[in-house]
C-alpha atoms as a PDB file:
ATOM      1  CA  MET A   1       0.061   0.139   0.073  1.00  0.00           C
ATOM      2  CA  PHE A   2       2.552   2.596   1.046  1.00  0.00           C
ATOM      3  CA  THR A   3       4.639   1.623  -1.976  1.00  0.00           C
ATOM      4  CA  LEU A   4       2.003   2.566  -4.267  1.00  0.00           C
ATOM      5  CA  ALA A   5       0.763   5.642  -2.442  1.00  0.00           C
ATOM      6  CA  TYR A   6       3.579   7.561  -0.952  1.00  0.00           C
ATOM      7  CA  LYS A   7       6.763   6.371  -2.826  1.00  0.00           C
ATOM      8  CA  ASP A   8       8.159   9.298  -4.159  1.00  0.00           C
ATOM      9  CA  ASP A   9       8.059   8.147  -7.924  1.00  0.00           C
ATOM     10  CA  ALA A  10       4.756   6.311  -7.480  1.00  0.00           C
ATOM     11  CA  ALA A  11       2.220   7.411 -10.004  1.00  0.00           C
ATOM     12  CA  TRP A  12      -0.351   7.606  -7.494  1.00  0.00           C
ATOM     13  CA  ASN A  13       1.618   9.927  -5.086  1.00  0.00           C
ATOM     14  CA  GLU A  14      -0.815  12.700  -5.377  1.00  0.00           C
ATOM     15  CA  THR A  15       0.623  14.325  -2.336  1.00  0.00           C
ATOM     16  CA  ARG A  16       3.971  14.872  -4.176  1.00  0.00           C
ATOM     17  CA  TRP A  17       5.573  13.877  -1.054  1.00  0.00           C
ATOM     18  CA  LYS A  18       9.285  12.904  -1.303  1.00  0.00           C
ATOM     19  CA  ASN A  19      11.599  11.353   1.245  1.00  0.00           C
ATOM     20  CA  PRO A  20      14.674   9.236   0.106  1.00  0.00           C
ATOM     21  CA  ARG A  21      14.778   7.710   3.777  1.00  0.00           C
ATOM     22  CA  PHE A  22      11.169   6.684   3.505  1.00  0.00           C
ATOM     23  CA  ASN A  23      11.985   5.047   0.044  1.00  0.00           C
ATOM     24  CA  GLU A  24      14.831   3.116   1.535  1.00  0.00           C
ATOM     25  CA  LEU A  25      12.520   1.963   4.417  1.00  0.00           C
ATOM     26  CA  LEU A  26       9.998   0.539   2.095  1.00  0.00           C
ATOM     27  CA  LEU A  27      12.617  -1.540   0.419  1.00  0.00           C
ATOM     28  CA  GLN A  28      13.935  -2.746   3.684  1.00  0.00           C
ATOM     29  CA  ALA A  29      10.453  -3.790   4.415  1.00  0.00           C
ATOM     30  CA  LYS A  30      10.598  -6.033   1.537  1.00  0.00           C
ATOM     31  CA  ALA A  31       8.907  -3.959  -1.078  1.00  0.00           C
ATOM     32  CA  ASP A  32       9.492  -5.461  -4.406  1.00  0.00           C
ATOM     33  CA  PRO A  33      11.746  -2.999  -6.218  1.00  0.00           C
ATOM     34  CA  SER A  34      10.611  -4.641  -9.653  1.00  0.00           C
ATOM     35  CA  LEU A  35       6.737  -4.691  -9.294  1.00  0.00           C
ATOM     36  CA  ALA A  36       5.116  -3.111 -12.085  1.00  0.00           C
ATOM     37  CA  ASN A  37       1.695  -1.372 -12.274  1.00  0.00           C
ATOM     38  CA  SER A  38      -0.976  -2.373 -14.603  1.00  0.00           C
ATOM     39  CA  ALA A  39       0.652  -0.465 -17.665  1.00  0.00           C
ATOM     40  CA  GLY A  40       3.630  -2.533 -16.927  1.00  0.00           C
ATOM     41  CA  ALA A  41       5.989   0.245 -15.484  1.00  0.00           C
ATOM     42  CA  THR A  42       8.156  -0.480 -12.740  1.00  0.00           C
ATOM     43  CA  ALA A  43       9.482   2.165 -10.084  1.00  0.00           C
ATOM     44  CA  LEU A  44      12.859   2.188 -12.035  1.00  0.00           C
ATOM     45  CA  HIS A  45      10.780   3.087 -15.201  1.00  0.00           C
ATOM     46  CA  GLN A  46       8.983   6.066 -13.339  1.00  0.00           C
ATOM     47  CA  ALA A  47      12.182   7.333 -11.662  1.00  0.00           C
ATOM     48  CA  ALA A  48      13.915   7.291 -15.103  1.00  0.00           C
ATOM     49  CA  TRP A  49      10.742   9.006 -16.801  1.00  0.00           C
ATOM     50  CA  ALA A  50      10.582  11.661 -13.857  1.00  0.00           C
ATOM     51  CA  GLU A  51      14.334  12.128 -14.039  1.00  0.00           C
ATOM     52  CA  ARG A  52      14.901  11.178 -10.543  1.00  0.00           C
ATOM     53  CA  PRO A  53      18.471   9.627 -10.490  1.00  0.00           C
ATOM     54  CA  ALA A  54      18.461   9.363  -6.631  1.00  0.00           C
ATOM     55  CA  ALA A  55      15.491   7.232  -6.558  1.00  0.00           C
ATOM     56  CA  ALA A  56      16.740   5.197  -9.512  1.00  0.00           C
ATOM     57  CA  SER A  57      20.002   4.531  -7.501  1.00  0.00           C
ATOM     58  CA  VAL A  58      18.193   3.326  -4.462  1.00  0.00           C
ATOM     59  CA  LEU A  59      16.115   1.150  -6.437  1.00  0.00           C
ATOM     60  CA  LEU A  60      19.078  -0.489  -8.328  1.00  0.00           C
ATOM     61  CA  ARG A  61      20.868  -0.805  -5.003  1.00  0.00           C
ATOM     62  CA  ALA A  62      17.820  -2.890  -3.878  1.00  0.00           C
ATOM     63  CA  GLY A  63      17.890  -5.216  -6.924  1.00  0.00           C
ATOM     64  CA  ALA A  64      15.516  -3.492  -9.384  1.00  0.00           C
ATOM     65  CA  ALA A  65      15.437  -5.337 -12.489  1.00  0.00           C
ATOM     66  CA  VAL A  66      16.987  -3.493 -15.420  1.00  0.00           C
ATOM     67  CA  ASP A  67      15.328  -5.508 -18.040  1.00  0.00           C
ATOM     68  CA  ALA A  68      11.923  -5.531 -16.768  1.00  0.00           C
ATOM     69  CA  VAL A  69       9.180  -4.966 -19.579  1.00  0.00           C
END
């Protein structure tokens, strides 16, 4: 739930709240860094589209798949 609603690069984050530490805590809580939304976009895709290299770096360190489609 929190990954979908509050992660800084989540499409559904209508609050526009951004907190790198929160993103790290989500991943430590076993959030799947390669989980895709209904359109097939992963958090790494969204971080790239939004030009957020810090978020992409956190996701890559957490094992996000770079070849997810």
